[in-house]
N, C-alpha and C. Protein backbone atom coordinates (compact mmCIF):
# COMPACT_ATOMS: atom_id res chain seq x y z
N UNK A 1 20.39 10.57 137.02
CA UNK A 1 19.36 11.61 136.72
C UNK A 1 19.16 12.31 138.03
N UNK A 2 19.05 13.57 138.06
CA UNK A 2 18.72 14.39 139.16
C UNK A 2 17.41 14.25 139.59
N UNK A 3 17.25 14.03 140.95
CA UNK A 3 15.86 13.78 141.59
C UNK A 3 15.19 15.39 141.45
N UNK A 4 13.87 15.28 141.15
CA UNK A 4 13.11 16.62 141.29
C UNK A 4 13.34 17.35 142.53
N UNK A 5 13.60 18.66 142.53
CA UNK A 5 13.68 19.42 143.73
C UNK A 5 12.22 19.71 144.26
N UNK A 6 11.90 19.36 145.55
CA UNK A 6 10.73 19.62 145.96
C UNK A 6 10.58 21.12 146.56
N UNK A 7 9.80 21.82 146.10
CA UNK A 7 9.64 23.15 146.57
C UNK A 7 8.83 23.41 147.70
N UNK A 8 9.35 23.90 148.75
CA UNK A 8 8.52 23.94 149.98
C UNK A 8 7.97 25.36 150.06
N UNK A 9 6.71 25.39 150.47
CA UNK A 9 6.07 26.63 150.66
C UNK A 9 6.65 27.71 151.63
N UNK A 10 6.72 28.86 151.40
CA UNK A 10 7.20 29.82 152.27
C UNK A 10 6.10 30.79 152.66
N UNK A 11 6.45 31.54 153.65
CA UNK A 11 5.42 32.62 154.09
C UNK A 11 5.14 33.60 153.05
N UNK A 12 6.16 33.82 151.93
CA UNK A 12 5.90 34.65 150.87
C UNK A 12 4.83 34.15 149.90
N UNK A 13 4.81 32.55 149.94
CA UNK A 13 3.86 32.00 148.88
C UNK A 13 2.51 31.90 149.43
N UNK A 14 2.39 32.05 150.81
CA UNK A 14 1.07 32.15 151.39
C UNK A 14 0.15 33.04 150.99
N UNK A 15 -1.20 32.78 150.71
CA UNK A 15 -2.03 33.83 150.27
C UNK A 15 -2.35 34.97 151.10
N UNK A 16 -2.45 36.10 150.84
CA UNK A 16 -2.42 37.30 151.72
C UNK A 16 -3.69 37.50 152.25
N UNK A 17 -4.74 36.52 152.43
CA UNK A 17 -5.98 36.75 152.71
C UNK A 17 -6.12 37.35 154.25
N UNK A 18 -5.27 36.76 155.17
CA UNK A 18 -5.36 37.33 156.53
C UNK A 18 -5.01 38.66 156.62
N UNK A 19 -4.04 39.04 155.84
CA UNK A 19 -3.55 40.61 155.79
C UNK A 19 -4.72 41.57 155.18
N UNK A 20 -5.27 40.89 154.15
CA UNK A 20 -6.38 41.46 153.60
C UNK A 20 -7.50 41.72 154.44
N UNK A 21 -7.99 40.60 155.14
CA UNK A 21 -9.05 40.64 156.08
C UNK A 21 -8.78 41.74 157.19
N UNK A 22 -7.47 41.74 157.53
CA UNK A 22 -7.10 42.76 158.74
C UNK A 22 -7.31 44.18 158.24
N UNK A 23 -6.80 44.37 157.07
CA UNK A 23 -6.96 45.81 156.50
C UNK A 23 -8.47 45.97 156.17
N UNK A 24 -9.17 45.05 155.67
CA UNK A 24 -10.54 45.44 155.72
C UNK A 24 -11.38 45.69 157.05
N UNK A 25 -10.84 44.90 157.89
CA UNK A 25 -11.44 45.16 159.33
C UNK A 25 -11.17 46.51 159.83
N UNK A 26 -9.77 46.92 159.70
CA UNK A 26 -9.39 48.28 160.20
C UNK A 26 -9.96 49.32 159.38
N UNK A 27 -9.99 49.27 158.04
CA UNK A 27 -10.57 50.32 157.14
C UNK A 27 -12.19 50.36 157.43
N UNK A 28 -12.83 49.25 157.61
CA UNK A 28 -14.25 49.39 157.94
C UNK A 28 -14.64 49.94 159.13
N UNK A 29 -13.74 49.64 160.26
CA UNK A 29 -13.95 50.16 161.54
C UNK A 29 -13.85 51.68 161.57
N UNK A 30 -12.78 52.15 160.85
CA UNK A 30 -12.48 53.70 160.70
C UNK A 30 -13.53 54.19 160.10
N UNK A 31 -14.05 53.61 158.92
CA UNK A 31 -15.29 54.25 158.19
C UNK A 31 -16.44 54.44 159.20
N UNK A 32 -16.77 53.44 159.95
CA UNK A 32 -18.00 53.43 160.79
C UNK A 32 -17.66 54.41 161.91
N UNK A 33 -16.52 54.44 162.50
CA UNK A 33 -16.36 55.59 163.54
C UNK A 33 -16.55 56.97 162.89
N UNK A 34 -16.00 57.03 161.63
CA UNK A 34 -16.20 58.58 160.98
C UNK A 34 -17.77 58.66 160.74
N UNK A 35 -18.65 57.73 160.48
CA UNK A 35 -20.04 57.91 160.24
C UNK A 35 -20.69 58.27 161.28
N UNK A 36 -20.32 57.84 162.45
CA UNK A 36 -21.32 58.05 163.80
C UNK A 36 -21.81 59.35 164.05
N UNK A 37 -20.79 60.45 163.93
CA UNK A 37 -21.20 61.73 164.20
C UNK A 37 -22.05 62.36 163.02
N UNK A 38 -22.16 61.74 161.92
CA UNK A 38 -23.01 62.29 160.77
C UNK A 38 -24.22 61.42 160.36
N UNK A 39 -24.52 60.49 161.30
CA UNK A 39 -25.64 59.37 160.93
C UNK A 39 -26.95 60.05 160.73
N UNK A 40 -27.35 61.02 161.62
CA UNK A 40 -28.58 61.66 161.48
C UNK A 40 -28.76 62.45 160.28
N UNK A 41 -27.67 63.26 159.93
CA UNK A 41 -27.55 64.04 158.74
C UNK A 41 -27.62 63.16 157.57
N UNK A 42 -27.01 62.18 157.51
CA UNK A 42 -26.87 61.32 156.13
C UNK A 42 -28.20 60.58 156.03
N UNK A 43 -28.92 60.14 157.22
CA UNK A 43 -30.09 59.37 157.22
C UNK A 43 -31.17 60.29 156.61
N UNK A 44 -31.18 61.46 156.99
CA UNK A 44 -32.09 62.51 156.60
C UNK A 44 -32.02 62.79 154.93
N UNK A 45 -30.74 62.56 154.42
CA UNK A 45 -30.52 62.81 153.12
C UNK A 45 -31.13 61.63 152.29
N UNK A 46 -30.85 60.28 152.81
CA UNK A 46 -31.15 59.19 152.17
C UNK A 46 -32.68 58.92 152.13
N UNK A 47 -33.38 59.26 153.18
CA UNK A 47 -34.84 59.00 153.35
C UNK A 47 -35.54 59.93 152.42
N UNK A 48 -36.56 59.42 151.79
CA UNK A 48 -37.62 60.23 150.98
C UNK A 48 -38.86 60.29 151.73
N UNK A 49 -39.19 61.43 152.25
CA UNK A 49 -40.48 61.26 153.30
C UNK A 49 -41.34 62.38 152.71
N UNK A 50 -41.25 62.95 151.52
CA UNK A 50 -42.11 63.99 151.04
C UNK A 50 -43.59 63.50 150.70
N UNK A 51 -44.65 64.27 150.80
CA UNK A 51 -45.80 63.77 150.55
C UNK A 51 -46.31 63.77 149.17
N UNK A 52 -45.41 63.07 148.31
CA UNK A 52 -45.71 62.95 146.89
C UNK A 52 -45.94 61.50 146.59
N UNK A 53 -46.70 61.38 145.29
CA UNK A 53 -46.85 60.02 144.81
C UNK A 53 -45.65 59.28 144.68
N UNK A 54 -44.79 59.83 144.12
CA UNK A 54 -43.44 59.17 143.89
C UNK A 54 -42.68 58.63 145.17
N UNK A 55 -42.81 59.45 146.24
CA UNK A 55 -42.35 59.05 147.53
C UNK A 55 -43.02 58.04 148.12
N UNK A 56 -44.44 58.11 147.91
CA UNK A 56 -45.45 57.04 148.37
C UNK A 56 -44.96 55.78 147.87
N UNK A 57 -44.75 55.69 146.46
CA UNK A 57 -44.31 54.44 145.97
C UNK A 57 -43.01 53.89 146.56
N UNK A 58 -41.92 54.71 146.78
CA UNK A 58 -40.78 54.48 147.43
C UNK A 58 -40.96 53.85 148.85
N UNK A 59 -41.94 54.50 149.50
CA UNK A 59 -42.21 54.04 150.94
C UNK A 59 -42.86 52.54 150.84
N UNK A 60 -43.75 52.48 149.94
CA UNK A 60 -44.32 51.16 149.67
C UNK A 60 -43.37 50.07 149.46
N UNK A 61 -42.36 50.45 148.54
CA UNK A 61 -41.25 49.52 148.03
C UNK A 61 -40.38 49.17 149.22
N UNK A 62 -40.15 50.10 150.11
CA UNK A 62 -39.24 49.92 151.34
C UNK A 62 -39.94 49.08 152.25
N UNK A 63 -41.19 49.17 152.53
CA UNK A 63 -41.94 48.21 153.35
C UNK A 63 -42.00 46.91 152.96
N UNK A 64 -42.15 46.68 151.62
CA UNK A 64 -42.10 45.38 150.97
C UNK A 64 -40.68 44.67 151.21
N UNK A 65 -39.68 45.50 150.87
CA UNK A 65 -38.38 44.91 150.99
C UNK A 65 -38.11 44.39 152.47
N UNK A 66 -38.49 45.31 153.36
CA UNK A 66 -38.14 44.86 154.69
C UNK A 66 -39.00 43.75 155.06
N UNK A 67 -40.23 43.70 154.68
CA UNK A 67 -41.05 42.51 155.08
C UNK A 67 -40.48 41.28 154.42
N UNK A 68 -40.23 41.18 153.28
CA UNK A 68 -39.65 40.09 152.75
C UNK A 68 -38.32 39.76 152.94
N UNK A 69 -37.62 40.82 153.41
CA UNK A 69 -36.12 40.78 153.36
C UNK A 69 -35.43 40.27 154.61
N UNK A 70 -36.29 39.82 155.39
CA UNK A 70 -35.78 39.09 156.73
C UNK A 70 -35.45 37.64 156.66
N UNK A 71 -35.08 37.12 157.72
CA UNK A 71 -34.51 35.71 157.63
C UNK A 71 -35.56 34.72 156.93
N UNK A 72 -37.02 34.94 157.53
CA UNK A 72 -38.01 33.92 157.04
C UNK A 72 -38.36 34.26 155.74
N UNK A 73 -38.19 35.28 155.03
CA UNK A 73 -38.47 35.59 153.72
C UNK A 73 -37.42 35.26 152.72
N UNK A 74 -36.45 36.32 152.54
CA UNK A 74 -35.37 36.35 151.42
C UNK A 74 -34.43 35.24 151.71
N UNK A 75 -33.93 34.84 152.94
CA UNK A 75 -33.09 33.86 153.19
C UNK A 75 -33.55 32.53 153.01
N UNK A 76 -34.87 32.39 153.37
CA UNK A 76 -35.45 31.02 153.21
C UNK A 76 -35.62 30.78 151.81
N UNK A 77 -36.05 31.57 150.99
CA UNK A 77 -36.13 31.53 149.51
C UNK A 77 -34.86 31.07 148.99
N UNK A 78 -33.70 31.87 149.24
CA UNK A 78 -32.46 31.47 148.78
C UNK A 78 -32.00 30.05 149.20
N UNK A 79 -32.09 29.69 150.50
CA UNK A 79 -31.77 28.22 150.84
C UNK A 79 -32.64 27.16 150.08
N UNK A 80 -33.88 27.52 150.00
CA UNK A 80 -34.65 26.40 149.19
C UNK A 80 -34.24 26.39 147.75
N UNK A 81 -34.09 27.53 147.18
CA UNK A 81 -33.69 27.48 145.69
C UNK A 81 -32.29 26.87 145.60
N UNK A 82 -31.29 27.29 146.27
CA UNK A 82 -30.07 26.53 146.05
C UNK A 82 -30.17 25.06 146.30
N UNK A 83 -30.87 24.68 147.50
CA UNK A 83 -30.94 23.27 147.80
C UNK A 83 -31.68 22.53 146.77
N UNK A 84 -32.67 23.21 145.93
CA UNK A 84 -33.41 22.64 144.92
C UNK A 84 -32.46 22.29 143.73
N UNK A 85 -31.67 23.39 143.35
CA UNK A 85 -30.64 23.08 142.35
C UNK A 85 -29.77 22.06 142.62
N UNK A 86 -29.22 21.99 143.97
CA UNK A 86 -28.38 20.96 144.22
C UNK A 86 -28.90 19.53 144.16
N UNK A 87 -30.20 19.48 144.52
CA UNK A 87 -30.79 18.23 144.49
C UNK A 87 -31.03 17.76 143.06
N UNK A 88 -31.46 18.54 142.27
CA UNK A 88 -31.96 18.29 140.87
C UNK A 88 -30.82 18.00 139.95
N UNK A 89 -29.58 18.79 140.11
CA UNK A 89 -28.45 18.56 139.39
C UNK A 89 -27.46 17.61 140.10
N UNK A 90 -27.87 17.18 141.21
CA UNK A 90 -26.86 16.37 142.02
C UNK A 90 -25.44 16.87 142.14
N UNK A 91 -25.56 18.16 142.45
CA UNK A 91 -24.41 18.91 142.37
C UNK A 91 -23.61 19.17 143.62
N UNK A 92 -22.47 18.66 144.06
CA UNK A 92 -21.76 18.86 145.12
C UNK A 92 -21.49 20.34 145.31
N UNK A 93 -21.13 21.02 144.07
CA UNK A 93 -20.89 22.57 144.11
C UNK A 93 -21.98 23.38 144.73
N UNK A 94 -23.17 22.99 144.25
CA UNK A 94 -24.36 23.78 144.65
C UNK A 94 -24.80 23.40 146.08
N UNK A 95 -24.53 22.15 146.58
CA UNK A 95 -24.75 21.73 147.84
C UNK A 95 -23.73 22.47 148.75
N UNK A 96 -22.41 22.62 148.42
CA UNK A 96 -21.49 23.42 149.28
C UNK A 96 -21.86 24.82 149.31
N UNK A 97 -22.44 25.30 148.12
CA UNK A 97 -22.83 26.82 148.04
C UNK A 97 -24.03 27.00 148.89
N UNK A 98 -24.83 26.10 149.00
CA UNK A 98 -26.09 26.21 149.86
C UNK A 98 -25.51 26.21 151.39
N UNK A 99 -24.77 25.27 151.76
CA UNK A 99 -24.22 25.24 153.17
C UNK A 99 -23.45 26.62 153.47
N UNK A 100 -22.73 27.13 152.43
CA UNK A 100 -22.04 28.36 152.71
C UNK A 100 -22.94 29.60 152.93
N UNK A 101 -24.06 29.59 152.15
CA UNK A 101 -25.03 30.58 152.41
C UNK A 101 -25.80 30.51 153.84
N UNK A 102 -26.10 29.21 154.19
CA UNK A 102 -26.63 29.08 155.48
C UNK A 102 -25.68 29.62 156.68
N UNK A 103 -24.42 29.11 156.50
CA UNK A 103 -23.44 29.41 157.61
C UNK A 103 -23.16 30.83 157.53
N UNK A 104 -23.03 31.63 156.39
CA UNK A 104 -22.76 32.97 156.40
C UNK A 104 -23.94 33.79 156.97
N UNK A 105 -25.32 33.27 156.81
CA UNK A 105 -26.48 33.89 157.38
C UNK A 105 -26.22 33.69 158.91
N UNK A 106 -26.05 32.44 159.30
CA UNK A 106 -26.29 32.24 160.78
C UNK A 106 -25.13 32.97 161.64
N UNK A 107 -23.88 32.82 161.01
CA UNK A 107 -22.75 33.61 161.75
C UNK A 107 -22.93 35.14 161.84
N UNK A 108 -23.13 35.58 160.72
CA UNK A 108 -23.43 37.10 160.60
C UNK A 108 -24.66 37.57 161.39
N UNK A 109 -25.75 36.81 161.31
CA UNK A 109 -26.91 37.23 161.86
C UNK A 109 -26.84 37.05 163.60
N UNK A 110 -26.12 36.01 163.78
CA UNK A 110 -26.01 35.79 165.33
C UNK A 110 -25.03 36.87 165.98
N UNK A 111 -24.10 37.26 165.27
CA UNK A 111 -23.24 38.21 165.96
C UNK A 111 -23.95 39.50 165.81
N UNK A 112 -24.63 39.77 164.78
CA UNK A 112 -25.50 41.14 164.70
C UNK A 112 -26.28 41.14 165.89
N UNK A 113 -27.10 40.04 166.29
CA UNK A 113 -28.05 39.95 167.32
C UNK A 113 -27.41 40.18 168.68
N UNK A 114 -26.23 39.74 168.92
CA UNK A 114 -25.48 39.80 170.05
C UNK A 114 -25.01 41.30 170.35
N UNK A 115 -24.62 41.89 168.98
CA UNK A 115 -24.20 43.27 169.12
C UNK A 115 -25.43 44.09 169.63
N UNK A 116 -26.56 43.89 168.71
CA UNK A 116 -27.74 44.67 169.03
C UNK A 116 -28.09 44.79 170.58
N UNK A 117 -28.10 43.51 171.15
CA UNK A 117 -28.46 43.50 172.50
C UNK A 117 -27.49 44.21 173.49
N UNK A 118 -26.20 44.04 173.15
CA UNK A 118 -25.14 44.53 174.01
C UNK A 118 -24.87 46.01 173.91
N UNK A 119 -25.10 46.55 172.83
CA UNK A 119 -24.81 48.15 172.62
C UNK A 119 -26.03 48.96 172.99
N UNK A 120 -27.28 48.43 172.71
CA UNK A 120 -28.41 49.07 172.99
C UNK A 120 -28.50 50.48 172.31
N UNK A 121 -28.16 50.61 171.08
CA UNK A 121 -28.26 51.81 170.33
C UNK A 121 -29.58 52.16 169.97
N UNK A 122 -30.10 53.39 170.22
CA UNK A 122 -31.52 53.76 169.91
C UNK A 122 -31.77 53.86 168.31
N UNK A 123 -32.93 53.27 168.10
CA UNK A 123 -33.17 53.43 166.60
C UNK A 123 -33.73 55.05 166.24
N UNK A 124 -33.51 55.31 165.06
CA UNK A 124 -33.81 56.58 164.70
C UNK A 124 -35.36 57.00 165.01
N UNK A 125 -36.16 56.04 164.84
CA UNK A 125 -37.71 56.31 165.05
C UNK A 125 -38.07 56.17 166.55
N UNK A 126 -37.24 55.91 167.43
CA UNK A 126 -37.54 55.52 168.76
C UNK A 126 -37.80 56.73 169.62
N UNK A 127 -37.44 57.76 169.21
CA UNK A 127 -37.68 59.14 170.07
C UNK A 127 -36.96 59.23 171.26
N UNK A 128 -35.87 58.30 171.43
CA UNK A 128 -34.94 58.26 172.56
C UNK A 128 -33.84 59.11 172.40
N UNK A 129 -32.96 59.42 173.18
CA UNK A 129 -31.68 60.02 172.95
C UNK A 129 -30.84 59.27 172.03
N UNK A 130 -30.33 59.85 171.06
CA UNK A 130 -29.45 59.11 170.10
C UNK A 130 -28.28 58.68 170.82
N UNK A 131 -27.71 57.53 170.39
CA UNK A 131 -26.62 57.03 171.01
C UNK A 131 -26.69 55.51 171.44
N UNK A 132 -25.67 55.17 172.22
CA UNK A 132 -25.71 53.90 172.69
C UNK A 132 -25.80 53.87 174.25
N UNK A 133 -27.00 53.11 174.53
CA UNK A 133 -27.47 52.97 176.00
C UNK A 133 -27.10 51.75 176.85
N UNK A 134 -26.15 50.93 176.26
CA UNK A 134 -25.76 49.77 176.97
C UNK A 134 -26.82 48.60 176.78
N UNK A 135 -26.45 47.40 177.49
CA UNK A 135 -27.33 46.30 177.20
C UNK A 135 -28.83 46.46 177.42
N UNK A 136 -29.60 46.00 176.41
CA UNK A 136 -30.98 46.14 176.53
C UNK A 136 -31.90 45.24 175.75
N UNK A 137 -32.90 44.75 176.22
CA UNK A 137 -33.83 43.84 175.47
C UNK A 137 -34.91 44.60 174.75
N UNK A 138 -34.90 45.89 174.79
CA UNK A 138 -36.00 46.82 174.16
C UNK A 138 -35.68 46.86 172.61
N UNK A 139 -36.57 46.47 171.90
CA UNK A 139 -36.43 46.56 170.41
C UNK A 139 -36.08 47.99 169.96
N UNK A 140 -36.47 48.96 170.76
CA UNK A 140 -36.24 50.31 170.39
C UNK A 140 -34.77 50.60 170.45
N UNK A 141 -34.07 49.76 171.14
CA UNK A 141 -32.60 50.09 171.28
C UNK A 141 -31.71 48.80 170.60
N UNK A 142 -32.39 48.36 169.68
CA UNK A 142 -31.68 47.24 168.70
C UNK A 142 -31.12 47.88 167.40
N UNK A 143 -30.73 49.02 167.32
CA UNK A 143 -30.33 49.60 166.00
C UNK A 143 -29.05 49.23 165.41
N UNK A 144 -28.05 48.89 166.33
CA UNK A 144 -26.71 48.72 165.96
C UNK A 144 -26.18 47.20 166.14
N UNK A 145 -25.97 46.42 164.96
CA UNK A 145 -26.23 46.83 163.57
C UNK A 145 -27.62 46.26 163.02
N UNK A 146 -27.66 46.34 161.82
CA UNK A 146 -29.05 45.95 161.25
C UNK A 146 -29.05 44.40 160.95
N UNK A 147 -30.05 43.74 161.64
CA UNK A 147 -30.01 42.22 161.25
C UNK A 147 -30.61 41.97 160.08
N UNK A 148 -31.49 42.76 159.54
CA UNK A 148 -32.03 42.34 158.14
C UNK A 148 -30.79 42.41 157.19
N UNK A 149 -30.14 43.49 157.30
CA UNK A 149 -29.00 43.63 156.36
C UNK A 149 -27.89 42.44 156.53
N UNK A 150 -27.79 42.15 157.78
CA UNK A 150 -26.72 41.18 158.02
C UNK A 150 -27.09 39.90 157.41
N UNK A 151 -28.26 39.41 157.73
CA UNK A 151 -28.75 38.03 157.28
C UNK A 151 -28.76 38.09 155.65
N UNK A 152 -29.19 39.21 155.12
CA UNK A 152 -29.44 39.26 153.60
C UNK A 152 -28.09 39.08 152.79
N UNK A 153 -27.01 40.05 153.39
CA UNK A 153 -25.68 39.94 152.81
C UNK A 153 -24.94 38.70 153.42
N UNK A 154 -25.38 38.11 154.45
CA UNK A 154 -24.73 36.90 155.13
C UNK A 154 -24.87 35.92 154.00
N UNK A 155 -26.03 35.80 153.43
CA UNK A 155 -26.31 34.77 152.38
C UNK A 155 -25.77 35.08 151.09
N UNK A 156 -25.83 36.31 150.73
CA UNK A 156 -25.51 36.78 149.19
C UNK A 156 -24.03 36.81 149.09
N UNK A 157 -23.29 37.19 150.00
CA UNK A 157 -21.79 37.49 149.72
C UNK A 157 -21.09 36.03 149.29
N UNK A 158 -21.41 35.02 150.34
CA UNK A 158 -20.77 33.79 149.84
C UNK A 158 -21.12 33.25 148.55
N UNK A 159 -22.46 33.40 148.05
CA UNK A 159 -22.81 33.07 146.73
C UNK A 159 -22.10 33.76 145.74
N UNK A 160 -22.08 35.19 145.86
CA UNK A 160 -21.41 35.90 144.93
C UNK A 160 -20.02 35.70 144.67
N UNK A 161 -19.34 35.31 145.66
CA UNK A 161 -17.83 34.99 145.57
C UNK A 161 -17.83 33.64 144.89
N UNK A 162 -18.59 32.53 145.29
CA UNK A 162 -18.52 31.31 144.73
C UNK A 162 -19.04 31.15 143.27
N UNK A 163 -20.19 31.91 142.95
CA UNK A 163 -20.79 31.64 141.72
C UNK A 163 -21.52 33.05 141.29
N UNK A 164 -20.69 33.95 140.76
CA UNK A 164 -21.16 35.33 140.52
C UNK A 164 -22.55 35.38 139.76
N UNK A 165 -22.82 34.53 138.73
CA UNK A 165 -24.07 34.62 138.03
C UNK A 165 -25.34 34.56 138.89
N UNK A 166 -25.16 33.75 139.96
CA UNK A 166 -26.37 33.80 140.97
C UNK A 166 -26.16 34.61 142.18
N UNK A 167 -24.98 35.02 142.53
CA UNK A 167 -24.86 35.89 143.65
C UNK A 167 -25.02 37.47 143.29
N UNK A 168 -24.73 37.84 142.22
CA UNK A 168 -24.99 39.25 141.95
C UNK A 168 -26.36 39.75 141.98
N UNK A 169 -27.38 39.04 141.42
CA UNK A 169 -28.79 39.41 141.67
C UNK A 169 -29.21 39.43 143.00
N UNK A 170 -28.55 38.34 143.87
CA UNK A 170 -28.95 38.46 145.34
C UNK A 170 -28.21 39.64 145.98
N UNK A 171 -27.05 40.08 145.55
CA UNK A 171 -26.47 41.41 146.10
C UNK A 171 -27.43 42.56 145.86
N UNK A 172 -27.86 42.53 144.68
CA UNK A 172 -28.85 43.74 144.35
C UNK A 172 -29.94 43.75 145.29
N UNK A 173 -30.61 42.74 145.44
CA UNK A 173 -31.76 42.52 146.63
C UNK A 173 -31.37 42.85 147.89
N UNK A 174 -30.14 42.37 148.30
CA UNK A 174 -29.67 42.67 149.76
C UNK A 174 -29.49 44.01 149.83
N UNK A 175 -28.86 44.72 148.77
CA UNK A 175 -28.83 46.26 148.84
C UNK A 175 -30.24 46.96 148.94
N UNK A 176 -31.11 46.43 148.29
CA UNK A 176 -32.61 46.98 148.48
C UNK A 176 -32.85 46.94 149.95
N UNK A 177 -32.69 45.62 150.55
CA UNK A 177 -33.11 45.51 152.04
C UNK A 177 -32.43 46.47 152.80
N UNK A 178 -30.97 46.77 152.56
CA UNK A 178 -30.31 47.58 153.49
C UNK A 178 -30.87 49.03 153.21
N UNK A 179 -31.25 49.52 152.12
CA UNK A 179 -31.91 50.78 151.75
C UNK A 179 -33.16 50.93 152.62
N UNK A 180 -33.89 49.73 152.45
CA UNK A 180 -35.25 49.77 153.08
C UNK A 180 -35.19 50.00 154.48
N UNK A 181 -34.11 49.61 155.21
CA UNK A 181 -34.08 49.79 156.68
C UNK A 181 -33.81 51.12 157.07
N UNK A 182 -33.09 51.86 156.14
CA UNK A 182 -32.98 53.44 156.37
C UNK A 182 -34.15 54.07 155.99
N UNK A 183 -34.76 53.75 154.96
CA UNK A 183 -35.96 54.39 154.53
C UNK A 183 -37.17 54.31 155.34
N UNK A 184 -37.26 53.12 156.08
CA UNK A 184 -38.25 52.83 157.07
C UNK A 184 -37.90 53.56 158.43
N UNK A 185 -36.80 54.22 158.51
CA UNK A 185 -36.31 55.03 159.73
C UNK A 185 -36.13 54.04 160.84
N UNK A 186 -35.57 52.63 160.41
CA UNK A 186 -35.37 51.78 161.50
C UNK A 186 -33.76 51.66 161.91
N UNK A 187 -33.05 52.18 160.93
CA UNK A 187 -31.57 52.03 161.30
C UNK A 187 -30.85 53.24 160.72
N UNK A 188 -29.56 53.54 161.31
CA UNK A 188 -28.78 54.62 160.75
C UNK A 188 -27.82 53.96 159.75
N UNK A 189 -27.27 54.91 158.85
CA UNK A 189 -26.32 54.21 157.93
C UNK A 189 -25.24 53.51 158.43
N UNK A 190 -24.72 53.76 159.47
CA UNK A 190 -23.46 53.14 160.06
C UNK A 190 -23.86 51.72 160.66
N UNK A 191 -25.16 51.58 161.01
CA UNK A 191 -25.77 50.33 161.31
C UNK A 191 -25.70 49.31 160.14
N UNK A 192 -26.14 49.90 158.90
CA UNK A 192 -26.09 49.09 157.69
C UNK A 192 -24.82 48.82 157.32
N UNK A 193 -23.98 49.74 157.28
CA UNK A 193 -22.46 49.58 156.85
C UNK A 193 -21.82 48.55 157.78
N UNK A 194 -21.98 48.46 159.12
CA UNK A 194 -21.51 47.53 159.95
C UNK A 194 -21.85 46.17 159.51
N UNK A 195 -23.14 46.08 159.26
CA UNK A 195 -23.68 44.68 158.78
C UNK A 195 -23.14 44.13 157.54
N UNK A 196 -22.85 45.19 156.74
CA UNK A 196 -22.14 44.55 155.40
C UNK A 196 -20.85 44.30 155.65
N UNK A 197 -20.16 44.98 156.53
CA UNK A 197 -18.82 44.66 156.81
C UNK A 197 -18.68 43.30 157.58
N UNK A 198 -19.54 42.95 158.42
CA UNK A 198 -19.52 41.60 159.24
C UNK A 198 -19.79 40.57 158.16
N UNK A 199 -20.83 40.87 157.33
CA UNK A 199 -21.14 39.73 156.23
C UNK A 199 -20.00 39.47 155.44
N UNK A 200 -19.23 40.60 154.97
CA UNK A 200 -17.99 40.34 154.12
C UNK A 200 -16.93 39.54 154.86
N UNK A 201 -16.80 39.83 156.09
CA UNK A 201 -15.72 39.22 156.93
C UNK A 201 -16.11 37.59 156.87
N UNK A 202 -17.35 37.27 157.04
CA UNK A 202 -17.61 35.89 157.16
C UNK A 202 -17.87 35.30 155.66
N UNK A 203 -18.46 36.14 154.89
CA UNK A 203 -18.94 35.56 153.62
C UNK A 203 -17.94 35.27 152.59
N UNK A 204 -16.88 36.20 152.35
CA UNK A 204 -15.85 36.12 151.48
C UNK A 204 -15.10 34.79 151.72
N UNK A 205 -14.46 34.44 152.96
CA UNK A 205 -13.94 33.21 153.10
C UNK A 205 -14.62 31.97 152.76
N UNK A 206 -15.97 31.94 153.17
CA UNK A 206 -16.79 30.93 152.84
C UNK A 206 -16.98 30.66 151.36
N UNK A 207 -17.34 31.83 150.54
CA UNK A 207 -17.46 31.73 149.31
C UNK A 207 -16.15 31.32 148.54
N UNK A 208 -14.80 31.77 149.00
CA UNK A 208 -13.64 31.27 148.43
C UNK A 208 -13.60 29.83 148.64
N UNK A 209 -13.87 29.27 149.79
CA UNK A 209 -13.67 27.71 150.09
C UNK A 209 -14.52 27.03 148.97
N UNK A 210 -15.81 27.49 148.79
CA UNK A 210 -16.64 26.77 147.80
C UNK A 210 -16.01 26.86 146.37
N UNK A 211 -15.59 28.02 145.97
CA UNK A 211 -15.05 28.17 144.43
C UNK A 211 -13.79 27.32 144.43
N UNK A 212 -12.79 27.26 145.46
CA UNK A 212 -11.74 26.49 145.24
C UNK A 212 -12.04 25.08 145.34
N UNK A 213 -13.04 24.65 146.03
CA UNK A 213 -13.34 23.32 145.91
C UNK A 213 -13.81 22.84 144.52
N UNK A 214 -14.49 23.69 143.90
CA UNK A 214 -14.87 23.43 142.60
C UNK A 214 -13.59 23.37 141.64
N UNK A 215 -12.75 24.41 141.76
CA UNK A 215 -11.58 24.29 140.87
C UNK A 215 -10.77 23.09 141.12
N UNK A 216 -10.57 22.68 142.44
CA UNK A 216 -9.95 21.48 142.73
C UNK A 216 -10.39 20.24 142.12
N UNK A 217 -11.71 20.23 142.15
CA UNK A 217 -12.43 18.93 141.52
C UNK A 217 -12.22 18.81 140.11
N UNK A 218 -11.84 19.84 139.36
CA UNK A 218 -11.62 19.88 137.92
C UNK A 218 -10.24 19.60 137.51
N UNK A 219 -9.26 19.66 138.36
CA UNK A 219 -8.00 19.33 138.11
C UNK A 219 -7.58 17.87 137.67
N UNK A 220 -6.99 17.71 136.67
CA UNK A 220 -6.71 16.29 136.19
C UNK A 220 -5.79 15.64 137.28
N UNK A 221 -6.00 14.45 137.32
CA UNK A 221 -5.24 13.49 138.24
C UNK A 221 -3.89 13.45 137.84
């Protein structure tokens, strides 16, 4: 009887995630560089600042989303909710998903804050010369990238990849937070897109690890 031939993994069998991540990084960087010269023009198009009742409602919604969309608001609610389900259901899957959301938030938010302090980009509402002024501790020069957007998507993307029914509503809220930062004249469009790109680079691998761990636990012995 012939012994079964053991098939060894080759480079061609390896998942192309590193290649996809590199392409995403390069494509995102190209998009952001393309956006820089058009930021003020696009921001003026996105913002609704007319003295009408409808725009007043939009401005109120933007203020609420920015207020509740920071780490202490939106992210804390997500962590507590996921942790509660993990405890009630005694679910290792939800526990891992909670950890992934926390890690995605911390990694993306930390990198965003380092970049904000390092680059010193003036906020649209700062009345400073637009552009990058170098390292600064002034909040007026902490535009690039958006920390609100980074932490919101940093929590949402891992959950959306691991468990879309829970993650998709989170992505909608995160998108609202990103819009609010532009509507409130706190960030340029490229600041927001950069935060989403950073969140994707961290969040997709974290979400895939959680999803695969669930698939692996279902395989028969």
